[in-house]
Amino acid sequence: MRSHSWKIALCGVMGAVSVAIMLLGAVIPVAMFIAPALASVLVMLVCAECGRRLAWTEYAAVSLLSVLFVPDREVTLVFVFLGYYPLVKPRFDRLRPRLVRGVCKALYFNGSVLALYALLYSLFFPGQLASELAGAGLALAAASLLIGNAAFLLLDQALVNLLQLYCRVWQPRLHRMLGHS
């Protein structure tokens, strides 16, 4: 019972920290895309510590709380559409060969981003999408998507490195500090 309550408490704390990070993403303009990425790292740590089931629960709770309390819809929806990536990443990483894995990850990211912005524009700016994408808007959108893909590749590798760092350095310290075996 102690182990189960410890996991639930950890999920609650990580979820609260994730929502706080999401709120900061709404307040600090440069953190608009950094905040959802950091919150998804916490989802990954919950998965490593407590298992996939509780990690999915935390993701759902943070998504719901973000929708309710984070004023910036873009920050919230980036997390809702992409915040679960650390939970599906192991499935992508099992794909062989490497080219297939890369193409699948790119399709996941680009499909999620395009669905996200289609939803945003249809909800908040109905009818404006075609006029905004005409001319320079299309080039800017393509450049933004290209930069987003580069950031996603960096996040993908950062998740691997952060999980290794957590398992080797921070997890043993956390367990010793909390008296958890």
N, C-alpha and C. Protein backbone atom coordinates (compact mmCIF):
# COMPACT_ATOMS: atom_id res chain seq x y z
N MET A 1 0.82 -1.19 0.00
CA MET A 1 0.00 0.00 0.00
C MET A 1 0.87 1.26 0.00
N ARG A 2 1.97 1.24 0.74
CA ARG A 2 2.84 2.40 0.80
C ARG A 2 3.38 2.75 -0.58
N SER A 3 3.76 1.73 -1.34
CA SER A 3 4.31 1.98 -2.67
C SER A 3 3.26 2.61 -3.58
N HIS A 4 2.02 2.13 -3.49
CA HIS A 4 0.97 2.66 -4.35
C HIS A 4 0.65 4.11 -3.97
N SER A 5 0.56 4.42 -2.70
CA SER A 5 0.26 5.79 -2.29
C SER A 5 1.41 6.73 -2.64
N TRP A 6 2.65 6.24 -2.58
CA TRP A 6 3.82 7.03 -2.98
C TRP A 6 3.73 7.40 -4.45
N LYS A 7 3.32 6.45 -5.28
CA LYS A 7 3.19 6.71 -6.72
C LYS A 7 2.09 7.73 -6.99
N ILE A 8 0.96 7.59 -6.32
CA ILE A 8 -0.14 8.52 -6.51
C ILE A 8 0.28 9.92 -6.09
N ALA A 9 0.96 10.03 -4.95
CA ALA A 9 1.43 11.33 -4.48
C ALA A 9 2.41 11.95 -5.46
N LEU A 10 3.33 11.14 -5.99
CA LEU A 10 4.29 11.65 -6.97
C LEU A 10 3.58 12.15 -8.22
N CYS A 11 2.59 11.41 -8.68
CA CYS A 11 1.81 11.84 -9.85
C CYS A 11 1.10 13.16 -9.57
N GLY A 12 0.55 13.31 -8.39
CA GLY A 12 -0.13 14.55 -8.04
C GLY A 12 0.81 15.73 -8.02
N VAL A 13 1.98 15.54 -7.43
CA VAL A 13 2.96 16.62 -7.37
C VAL A 13 3.47 16.97 -8.77
N MET A 14 3.78 15.95 -9.56
CA MET A 14 4.27 16.20 -10.92
C MET A 14 3.19 16.86 -11.77
N GLY A 15 1.94 16.46 -11.56
CA GLY A 15 0.85 17.10 -12.29
C GLY A 15 0.69 18.56 -11.91
N ALA A 16 0.80 18.85 -10.62
CA ALA A 16 0.70 20.24 -10.17
C ALA A 16 1.85 21.08 -10.72
N VAL A 17 3.04 20.53 -10.71
CA VAL A 17 4.19 21.26 -11.27
C VAL A 17 4.00 21.46 -12.78
N SER A 18 3.45 20.46 -13.46
CA SER A 18 3.19 20.59 -14.90
C SER A 18 2.20 21.71 -15.19
N VAL A 19 1.13 21.79 -14.42
CA VAL A 19 0.15 22.86 -14.62
C VAL A 19 0.79 24.22 -14.32
N ALA A 20 1.61 24.30 -13.29
CA ALA A 20 2.31 25.56 -12.99
C ALA A 20 3.22 25.96 -14.15
N ILE A 21 3.91 24.99 -14.72
CA ILE A 21 4.77 25.27 -15.88
C ILE A 21 3.93 25.75 -17.05
N MET A 22 2.78 25.13 -17.26
CA MET A 22 1.89 25.55 -18.35
C MET A 22 1.40 26.98 -18.12
N LEU A 23 1.11 27.34 -16.88
CA LEU A 23 0.70 28.72 -16.57
C LEU A 23 1.83 29.70 -16.86
N LEU A 24 3.06 29.31 -16.56
CA LEU A 24 4.21 30.16 -16.88
C LEU A 24 4.35 30.33 -18.40
N GLY A 25 4.04 29.27 -19.13
CA GLY A 25 4.09 29.35 -20.59
C GLY A 25 3.10 30.35 -21.15
N ALA A 26 2.00 30.55 -20.44
CA ALA A 26 1.01 31.54 -20.87
C ALA A 26 1.44 32.96 -20.50
N VAL A 27 2.26 33.10 -19.47
CA VAL A 27 2.67 34.42 -18.98
C VAL A 27 3.95 34.90 -19.67
N ILE A 28 4.89 34.00 -19.87
CA ILE A 28 6.18 34.35 -20.47
C ILE A 28 6.13 33.99 -21.95
N PRO A 29 6.12 34.98 -22.84
CA PRO A 29 5.93 34.72 -24.27
C PRO A 29 6.93 33.73 -24.88
N VAL A 30 8.18 33.80 -24.49
CA VAL A 30 9.18 32.91 -25.08
C VAL A 30 8.97 31.45 -24.65
N ALA A 31 8.21 31.24 -23.59
CA ALA A 31 7.99 29.89 -23.07
C ALA A 31 6.77 29.20 -23.68
N MET A 32 6.18 29.78 -24.72
CA MET A 32 4.97 29.24 -25.31
C MET A 32 5.12 27.79 -25.75
N PHE A 33 6.26 27.43 -26.30
CA PHE A 33 6.48 26.06 -26.75
C PHE A 33 7.39 25.29 -25.79
N ILE A 34 8.13 26.02 -24.96
CA ILE A 34 9.01 25.38 -24.00
C ILE A 34 8.20 24.76 -22.86
N ALA A 35 7.17 25.47 -22.41
CA ALA A 35 6.36 24.98 -21.29
C ALA A 35 5.70 23.63 -21.58
N PRO A 36 5.05 23.44 -22.73
CA PRO A 36 4.47 22.12 -22.99
C PRO A 36 5.54 21.02 -23.09
N ALA A 37 6.72 21.37 -23.61
CA ALA A 37 7.80 20.38 -23.70
C ALA A 37 8.27 19.98 -22.30
N LEU A 38 8.43 20.96 -21.41
CA LEU A 38 8.85 20.65 -20.04
C LEU A 38 7.79 19.83 -19.31
N ALA A 39 6.52 20.17 -19.52
CA ALA A 39 5.44 19.41 -18.90
C ALA A 39 5.43 17.97 -19.42
N SER A 40 5.75 17.79 -20.70
CA SER A 40 5.79 16.42 -21.23
C SER A 40 6.98 15.64 -20.69
N VAL A 41 8.08 16.34 -20.36
CA VAL A 41 9.21 15.66 -19.71
C VAL A 41 8.77 15.11 -18.36
N LEU A 42 7.95 15.87 -17.63
CA LEU A 42 7.45 15.39 -16.34
C LEU A 42 6.53 14.19 -16.52
N VAL A 43 5.77 14.15 -17.61
CA VAL A 43 4.95 12.97 -17.92
C VAL A 43 5.87 11.77 -18.13
N MET A 44 6.99 11.98 -18.82
CA MET A 44 7.95 10.90 -19.05
C MET A 44 8.53 10.40 -17.73
N LEU A 45 8.84 11.31 -16.81
CA LEU A 45 9.40 10.90 -15.52
C LEU A 45 8.38 10.12 -14.70
N VAL A 46 7.12 10.52 -14.77
CA VAL A 46 6.07 9.76 -14.09
C VAL A 46 5.97 8.36 -14.70
N CYS A 47 6.10 8.27 -16.00
CA CYS A 47 6.06 6.96 -16.65
C CYS A 47 7.22 6.08 -16.17
N ALA A 48 8.39 6.68 -16.06
CA ALA A 48 9.56 5.91 -15.61
C ALA A 48 9.41 5.47 -14.16
N GLU A 49 8.79 6.30 -13.36
CA GLU A 49 8.69 6.02 -11.93
C GLU A 49 7.45 5.21 -11.55
N CYS A 50 6.35 5.48 -12.21
CA CYS A 50 5.06 4.92 -11.78
C CYS A 50 4.38 4.03 -12.81
N GLY A 51 4.88 4.01 -14.03
CA GLY A 51 4.28 3.17 -15.06
C GLY A 51 3.43 3.96 -16.04
N ARG A 52 3.12 3.31 -17.15
CA ARG A 52 2.39 3.96 -18.24
C ARG A 52 0.97 4.37 -17.85
N ARG A 53 0.31 3.54 -17.08
CA ARG A 53 -1.08 3.81 -16.72
C ARG A 53 -1.21 5.12 -15.94
N LEU A 54 -0.39 5.29 -14.93
CA LEU A 54 -0.44 6.54 -14.15
C LEU A 54 0.09 7.72 -14.96
N ALA A 55 1.02 7.47 -15.87
CA ALA A 55 1.52 8.56 -16.71
C ALA A 55 0.42 9.05 -17.66
N TRP A 56 -0.36 8.13 -18.22
CA TRP A 56 -1.49 8.54 -19.07
C TRP A 56 -2.52 9.30 -18.24
N THR A 57 -2.72 8.87 -17.01
CA THR A 57 -3.66 9.56 -16.12
C THR A 57 -3.16 10.98 -15.83
N GLU A 58 -1.87 11.11 -15.57
CA GLU A 58 -1.31 12.43 -15.33
C GLU A 58 -1.44 13.31 -16.57
N TYR A 59 -1.14 12.76 -17.73
CA TYR A 59 -1.28 13.52 -18.97
C TYR A 59 -2.71 14.03 -19.14
N ALA A 60 -3.69 13.16 -18.90
CA ALA A 60 -5.09 13.55 -19.04
C ALA A 60 -5.47 14.63 -18.03
N ALA A 61 -5.00 14.48 -16.80
CA ALA A 61 -5.32 15.46 -15.76
C ALA A 61 -4.68 16.81 -16.07
N VAL A 62 -3.43 16.81 -16.48
CA VAL A 62 -2.75 18.07 -16.81
C VAL A 62 -3.42 18.72 -18.02
N SER A 63 -3.82 17.90 -19.00
CA SER A 63 -4.51 18.45 -20.17
C SER A 63 -5.81 19.11 -19.75
N LEU A 64 -6.60 18.43 -18.95
CA LEU A 64 -7.88 18.97 -18.51
C LEU A 64 -7.70 20.24 -17.68
N LEU A 65 -6.78 20.20 -16.72
CA LEU A 65 -6.54 21.38 -15.89
C LEU A 65 -5.99 22.55 -16.70
N SER A 66 -5.18 22.24 -17.69
CA SER A 66 -4.65 23.30 -18.56
C SER A 66 -5.77 23.93 -19.38
N VAL A 67 -6.67 23.11 -19.90
CA VAL A 67 -7.80 23.64 -20.66
C VAL A 67 -8.64 24.55 -19.77
N LEU A 68 -8.81 24.17 -18.51
CA LEU A 68 -9.65 24.94 -17.61
C LEU A 68 -8.98 26.22 -17.08
N PHE A 69 -7.67 26.16 -16.81
CA PHE A 69 -7.03 27.26 -16.08
C PHE A 69 -5.96 28.05 -16.82
N VAL A 70 -5.40 27.51 -17.88
CA VAL A 70 -4.34 28.24 -18.60
C VAL A 70 -5.00 29.15 -19.63
N PRO A 71 -4.77 30.46 -19.52
CA PRO A 71 -5.48 31.39 -20.40
C PRO A 71 -5.05 31.35 -21.87
N ASP A 72 -3.85 30.93 -22.14
CA ASP A 72 -3.36 30.89 -23.52
C ASP A 72 -3.74 29.55 -24.16
N ARG A 73 -4.67 29.58 -25.09
CA ARG A 73 -5.16 28.35 -25.73
C ARG A 73 -4.08 27.66 -26.54
N GLU A 74 -3.18 28.42 -27.13
CA GLU A 74 -2.14 27.80 -27.95
C GLU A 74 -1.20 26.96 -27.09
N VAL A 75 -0.80 27.49 -25.96
CA VAL A 75 0.06 26.73 -25.04
C VAL A 75 -0.65 25.45 -24.60
N THR A 76 -1.91 25.59 -24.24
CA THR A 76 -2.69 24.45 -23.78
C THR A 76 -2.83 23.40 -24.86
N LEU A 77 -3.19 23.83 -26.06
CA LEU A 77 -3.41 22.85 -27.13
C LEU A 77 -2.13 22.21 -27.63
N VAL A 78 -1.01 22.92 -27.53
CA VAL A 78 0.27 22.28 -27.87
C VAL A 78 0.50 21.10 -26.93
N PHE A 79 0.21 21.29 -25.65
CA PHE A 79 0.36 20.17 -24.71
C PHE A 79 -0.65 19.06 -24.99
N VAL A 80 -1.90 19.44 -25.23
CA VAL A 80 -2.94 18.43 -25.48
C VAL A 80 -2.60 17.59 -26.71
N PHE A 81 -2.12 18.23 -27.77
CA PHE A 81 -1.83 17.51 -29.02
C PHE A 81 -0.48 16.82 -29.02
N LEU A 82 0.50 17.33 -28.26
CA LEU A 82 1.85 16.77 -28.33
C LEU A 82 2.42 16.30 -26.99
N GLY A 83 1.75 16.59 -25.89
CA GLY A 83 2.28 16.30 -24.56
C GLY A 83 2.41 14.83 -24.23
N TYR A 84 1.71 13.99 -24.95
CA TYR A 84 1.78 12.55 -24.69
C TYR A 84 2.89 11.88 -25.50
N TYR A 85 3.66 12.64 -26.25
CA TYR A 85 4.71 12.04 -27.07
C TYR A 85 5.67 11.15 -26.29
N PRO A 86 6.12 11.52 -25.07
CA PRO A 86 7.01 10.62 -24.34
C PRO A 86 6.38 9.25 -24.05
N LEU A 87 5.06 9.17 -24.05
CA LEU A 87 4.39 7.90 -23.78
C LEU A 87 4.31 7.02 -25.04
N VAL A 88 4.30 7.62 -26.21
CA VAL A 88 4.26 6.83 -27.45
C VAL A 88 5.64 6.68 -28.09
N LYS A 89 6.60 7.46 -27.62
CA LYS A 89 7.96 7.42 -28.16
C LYS A 89 8.57 6.02 -28.12
N PRO A 90 8.41 5.24 -27.04
CA PRO A 90 9.00 3.90 -27.05
C PRO A 90 8.47 3.02 -28.19
N ARG A 91 7.22 3.19 -28.57
CA ARG A 91 6.67 2.43 -29.70
C ARG A 91 7.33 2.85 -31.01
N PHE A 92 7.52 4.14 -31.18
CA PHE A 92 8.23 4.62 -32.37
C PHE A 92 9.66 4.11 -32.39
N ASP A 93 10.31 4.11 -31.24
CA ASP A 93 11.72 3.71 -31.17
C ASP A 93 11.94 2.23 -31.49
N ARG A 94 10.90 1.44 -31.41
CA ARG A 94 11.03 0.01 -31.75
C ARG A 94 10.95 -0.24 -33.25
N LEU A 95 10.52 0.76 -34.01
CA LEU A 95 10.39 0.59 -35.46
C LEU A 95 11.77 0.47 -36.11
N ARG A 96 11.88 -0.43 -37.04
CA ARG A 96 13.11 -0.61 -37.81
C ARG A 96 12.75 -0.61 -39.28
N PRO A 97 13.55 -0.14 -40.14
CA PRO A 97 14.85 0.50 -39.96
C PRO A 97 14.69 1.94 -39.47
N ARG A 98 15.83 2.58 -39.28
CA ARG A 98 15.87 3.93 -38.72
C ARG A 98 15.09 4.93 -39.57
N LEU A 99 15.15 4.78 -40.89
CA LEU A 99 14.44 5.68 -41.80
C LEU A 99 12.93 5.61 -41.57
N VAL A 100 12.41 4.40 -41.40
CA VAL A 100 10.97 4.23 -41.15
C VAL A 100 10.60 4.90 -39.83
N ARG A 101 11.43 4.70 -38.82
CA ARG A 101 11.20 5.33 -37.51
C ARG A 101 11.16 6.85 -37.65
N GLY A 102 12.11 7.42 -38.36
CA GLY A 102 12.16 8.87 -38.55
C GLY A 102 10.96 9.40 -39.31
N VAL A 103 10.55 8.68 -40.35
CA VAL A 103 9.39 9.11 -41.13
C VAL A 103 8.12 9.05 -40.28
N CYS A 104 7.96 8.02 -39.49
CA CYS A 104 6.78 7.89 -38.63
C CYS A 104 6.74 9.00 -37.57
N LYS A 105 7.89 9.31 -36.99
CA LYS A 105 7.94 10.41 -36.01
C LYS A 105 7.61 11.74 -36.68
N ALA A 106 8.13 11.96 -37.88
CA ALA A 106 7.85 13.20 -38.60
C ALA A 106 6.36 13.30 -38.96
N LEU A 107 5.78 12.19 -39.39
CA LEU A 107 4.35 12.18 -39.70
C LEU A 107 3.52 12.47 -38.45
N TYR A 108 3.90 11.88 -37.33
CA TYR A 108 3.21 12.13 -36.05
C TYR A 108 3.26 13.62 -35.71
N PHE A 109 4.47 14.19 -35.73
CA PHE A 109 4.62 15.58 -35.33
C PHE A 109 3.88 16.52 -36.29
N ASN A 110 4.12 16.37 -37.58
CA ASN A 110 3.50 17.27 -38.55
C ASN A 110 1.99 17.11 -38.58
N GLY A 111 1.50 15.89 -38.47
CA GLY A 111 0.06 15.68 -38.41
C GLY A 111 -0.56 16.32 -37.19
N SER A 112 0.11 16.19 -36.04
CA SER A 112 -0.39 16.80 -34.80
C SER A 112 -0.40 18.32 -34.89
N VAL A 113 0.68 18.89 -35.42
CA VAL A 113 0.77 20.35 -35.52
C VAL A 113 -0.27 20.88 -36.51
N LEU A 114 -0.42 20.21 -37.64
CA LEU A 114 -1.41 20.68 -38.62
C LEU A 114 -2.83 20.55 -38.06
N ALA A 115 -3.12 19.48 -37.35
CA ALA A 115 -4.44 19.32 -36.73
C ALA A 115 -4.66 20.39 -35.65
N LEU A 116 -3.62 20.66 -34.88
CA LEU A 116 -3.70 21.68 -33.83
C LEU A 116 -4.05 23.04 -34.41
N TYR A 117 -3.31 23.47 -35.42
CA TYR A 117 -3.55 24.80 -35.96
C TYR A 117 -4.83 24.86 -36.79
N ALA A 118 -5.22 23.77 -37.41
CA ALA A 118 -6.52 23.74 -38.09
C ALA A 118 -7.64 23.93 -37.07
N LEU A 119 -7.52 23.28 -35.92
CA LEU A 119 -8.51 23.44 -34.86
C LEU A 119 -8.51 24.88 -34.32
N LEU A 120 -7.33 25.42 -34.05
CA LEU A 120 -7.24 26.79 -33.55
C LEU A 120 -7.88 27.78 -34.51
N TYR A 121 -7.55 27.67 -35.79
CA TYR A 121 -8.09 28.61 -36.76
C TYR A 121 -9.58 28.42 -36.96
N SER A 122 -10.05 27.19 -36.93
CA SER A 122 -11.49 26.98 -37.13
C SER A 122 -12.30 27.46 -35.92
N LEU A 123 -11.73 27.36 -34.72
CA LEU A 123 -12.44 27.82 -33.53
C LEU A 123 -12.38 29.33 -33.33
N PHE A 124 -11.21 29.91 -33.54
CA PHE A 124 -11.02 31.31 -33.18
C PHE A 124 -11.00 32.27 -34.37
N PHE A 125 -10.69 31.77 -35.55
CA PHE A 125 -10.62 32.64 -36.72
C PHE A 125 -11.30 31.99 -37.92
N PRO A 126 -12.57 31.64 -37.82
CA PRO A 126 -13.21 30.95 -38.94
C PRO A 126 -13.20 31.81 -40.20
N GLY A 127 -12.81 31.20 -41.31
CA GLY A 127 -12.80 31.89 -42.59
C GLY A 127 -11.55 32.70 -42.86
N GLN A 128 -10.70 32.91 -41.88
CA GLN A 128 -9.50 33.72 -42.08
C GLN A 128 -8.30 32.92 -42.55
N LEU A 129 -8.33 31.61 -42.42
CA LEU A 129 -7.16 30.79 -42.72
C LEU A 129 -6.72 30.96 -44.16
N ALA A 130 -7.64 30.90 -45.10
CA ALA A 130 -7.26 31.00 -46.51
C ALA A 130 -6.63 32.36 -46.82
N SER A 131 -7.18 33.43 -46.27
CA SER A 131 -6.63 34.75 -46.55
C SER A 131 -5.26 34.95 -45.89
N GLU A 132 -5.06 34.35 -44.72
CA GLU A 132 -3.76 34.49 -44.03
C GLU A 132 -2.67 33.68 -44.70
N LEU A 133 -3.03 32.54 -45.28
CA LEU A 133 -2.02 31.70 -45.92
C LEU A 133 -1.66 32.16 -47.32
N ALA A 134 -2.40 33.11 -47.86
CA ALA A 134 -2.09 33.63 -49.19
C ALA A 134 -0.81 34.48 -49.10
N GLY A 135 0.04 34.33 -50.08
CA GLY A 135 1.25 35.15 -50.16
C GLY A 135 2.30 34.78 -49.13
N ALA A 136 2.77 35.77 -48.40
CA ALA A 136 3.87 35.59 -47.45
C ALA A 136 3.46 34.73 -46.26
N GLY A 137 2.17 34.65 -45.96
CA GLY A 137 1.70 33.83 -44.84
C GLY A 137 2.03 32.37 -45.02
N LEU A 138 1.94 31.89 -46.24
CA LEU A 138 2.26 30.48 -46.52
C LEU A 138 3.75 30.21 -46.32
N ALA A 139 4.60 31.13 -46.76
CA ALA A 139 6.04 30.96 -46.57
C ALA A 139 6.39 31.00 -45.09
N LEU A 140 5.75 31.89 -44.34
CA LEU A 140 6.01 31.98 -42.91
C LEU A 140 5.54 30.71 -42.20
N ALA A 141 4.38 30.19 -42.59
CA ALA A 141 3.87 28.95 -41.99
C ALA A 141 4.80 27.78 -42.29
N ALA A 142 5.30 27.70 -43.52
CA ALA A 142 6.23 26.63 -43.89
C ALA A 142 7.54 26.74 -43.11
N ALA A 143 8.05 27.97 -42.97
CA ALA A 143 9.28 28.17 -42.20
C ALA A 143 9.06 27.80 -40.73
N SER A 144 7.91 28.17 -40.19
CA SER A 144 7.61 27.82 -38.80
C SER A 144 7.53 26.31 -38.62
N LEU A 145 6.92 25.63 -39.56
CA LEU A 145 6.82 24.17 -39.48
C LEU A 145 8.20 23.53 -39.59
N LEU A 146 9.05 24.07 -40.44
CA LEU A 146 10.42 23.55 -40.57
C LEU A 146 11.20 23.73 -39.26
N ILE A 147 11.08 24.90 -38.65
CA ILE A 147 11.74 25.15 -37.37
C ILE A 147 11.15 24.24 -36.29
N GLY A 148 9.84 24.05 -36.33
CA GLY A 148 9.19 23.13 -35.39
C GLY A 148 9.70 21.71 -35.53
N ASN A 149 9.94 21.26 -36.76
CA ASN A 149 10.49 19.93 -36.96
C ASN A 149 11.89 19.80 -36.38
N ALA A 150 12.70 20.83 -36.55
CA ALA A 150 14.04 20.81 -35.97
C ALA A 150 13.96 20.76 -34.44
N ALA A 151 13.05 21.55 -33.87
CA ALA A 151 12.87 21.55 -32.41
C ALA A 151 12.37 20.18 -31.93
N PHE A 152 11.49 19.56 -32.71
CA PHE A 152 10.99 18.24 -32.34
C PHE A 152 12.10 17.20 -32.35
N LEU A 153 12.98 17.26 -33.33
CA LEU A 153 14.13 16.34 -33.36
C LEU A 153 15.02 16.53 -32.14
N LEU A 154 15.23 17.78 -31.76
CA LEU A 154 16.02 18.06 -30.56
C LEU A 154 15.32 17.54 -29.30
N LEU A 155 14.01 17.74 -29.22
CA LEU A 155 13.23 17.23 -28.08
C LEU A 155 13.30 15.71 -28.03
N ASP A 156 13.20 15.07 -29.18
CA ASP A 156 13.25 13.60 -29.23
C ASP A 156 14.56 13.08 -28.63
N GLN A 157 15.67 13.69 -28.99
CA GLN A 157 16.96 13.27 -28.44
C GLN A 157 17.10 13.70 -26.99
N ALA A 158 16.58 14.86 -26.65
CA ALA A 158 16.65 15.33 -25.26
C ALA A 158 15.89 14.40 -24.32
N LEU A 159 14.77 13.85 -24.77
CA LEU A 159 14.01 12.91 -23.93
C LEU A 159 14.84 11.68 -23.60
N VAL A 160 15.58 11.19 -24.58
CA VAL A 160 16.46 10.04 -24.34
C VAL A 160 17.52 10.39 -23.30
N ASN A 161 18.17 11.53 -23.49
CA ASN A 161 19.25 11.93 -22.59
C ASN A 161 18.72 12.24 -21.19
N LEU A 162 17.58 12.91 -21.09
CA LEU A 162 17.02 13.24 -19.78
C LEU A 162 16.57 11.99 -19.03
N LEU A 163 16.02 11.02 -19.74
CA LEU A 163 15.61 9.78 -19.08
C LEU A 163 16.82 9.02 -18.56
N GLN A 164 17.88 8.98 -19.34
CA GLN A 164 19.11 8.33 -18.87
C GLN A 164 19.67 9.05 -17.65
N LEU A 165 19.70 10.36 -17.69
CA LEU A 165 20.19 11.14 -16.55
C LEU A 165 19.33 10.88 -15.33
N TYR A 166 18.03 10.87 -15.50
CA TYR A 166 17.13 10.63 -14.38
C TYR A 166 17.37 9.24 -13.78
N CYS A 167 17.44 8.23 -14.62
CA CYS A 167 17.60 6.85 -14.12
C CYS A 167 18.94 6.63 -13.44
N ARG A 168 19.99 7.28 -13.94
CA ARG A 168 21.33 7.06 -13.39
C ARG A 168 21.65 7.94 -12.18
N VAL A 169 21.15 9.17 -12.18
CA VAL A 169 21.57 10.12 -11.15
C VAL A 169 20.43 10.47 -10.19
N TRP A 170 19.32 10.98 -10.72
CA TRP A 170 18.29 11.54 -9.87
C TRP A 170 17.36 10.50 -9.24
N GLN A 171 17.05 9.44 -9.94
CA GLN A 171 16.16 8.43 -9.37
C GLN A 171 16.75 7.78 -8.13
N PRO A 172 18.01 7.36 -8.13
CA PRO A 172 18.56 6.81 -6.89
C PRO A 172 18.58 7.82 -5.74
N ARG A 173 18.87 9.07 -6.05
CA ARG A 173 18.86 10.11 -5.00
C ARG A 173 17.45 10.32 -4.45
N LEU A 174 16.48 10.36 -5.35
CA LEU A 174 15.09 10.54 -4.92
C LEU A 174 14.65 9.39 -4.05
N HIS A 175 14.97 8.18 -4.45
CA HIS A 175 14.56 7.00 -3.67
C HIS A 175 15.25 6.98 -2.30
N ARG A 176 16.55 7.35 -2.26
CA ARG A 176 17.24 7.39 -0.98
C ARG A 176 16.65 8.47 -0.06
N MET A 177 16.38 9.62 -0.65
CA MET A 177 15.84 10.73 0.14
C MET A 177 14.47 10.39 0.73
N LEU A 178 13.66 9.69 -0.03
CA LEU A 178 12.32 9.35 0.43
C LEU A 178 12.24 8.03 1.16
N GLY A 179 13.37 7.34 1.27
CA GLY A 179 13.37 6.04 1.94
C GLY A 179 12.59 5.00 1.17
N HIS A 180 12.55 5.16 -0.15
CA HIS A 180 11.80 4.24 -1.01
C HIS A 180 12.78 3.27 -1.65
N SER A 181 12.42 2.01 -1.66
CA SER A 181 13.35 1.02 -2.23
C SER A 181 13.27 0.93 -3.71
